[in-house]
Amino acid sequence: MSLRFSTSFLSAMAVVSGIAITAPALAADFVAPPGSGRTQPRSEVGTLTCDISPAIGVIIGSQQDVDCVFSPVHGRGPVERYTGNITKIGVDVGFINGGTIAWAVWAPTVRPEGALKGRYVGASANAAIGIGAGTNILTGGSWKTISLQPISLQGQKGLNAAVGLSKLKLNYAG
């Protein structure tokens, strides 16, 4: 587990629980280890919007299917479809009727079609009583060089509370 991921996860957990975070812990979020994918030129290359299937949290986690569309910025390339699933590991209790989440996709400026396929990991927090919201900050994908930054809160309906680690697996569907 990298220092960056560890402190990001702890930071997210602290924010959710209301614990104050010190400056050194936050500073580690902005430092990438040598040789990481962050040394390549990166920019916002588009938006990934995913419809999320219903799920039931079983205390230690849940899994939901996703159907996603990647739209490149300024029409630079074709729209791409992805399928997959998002797994949450941690405290997850209740049920969700499904929802939608959108991420800004940050990646190397040159990327082949289907480059978002792969596995992502990051911190997540969700809450719903009737209508609720959640967020997932994820890194991974092809060559572990892609970052998914939430641009809207995850919209969902149900009765649920979850905090922990999220894993997203995307398969290129054309």
Foldseek 3Di string as FASTA:
>chain_A
DDLLQVLQQVVQVCVVVVHDDDPVSVVSNVDDDPPALVVADKDQFWKKKWWWAKWAADQFKIKIKIWIWTQTPPNPDDIWIKIWMKIFGHGKHWIWRIWMFMWGKMFHPDDDPFQQADKWKHWKWWAEDAKIWMATWIFQTHSRGMTTHTPDTTIIGTGMTDTGMMMIGIDTDD
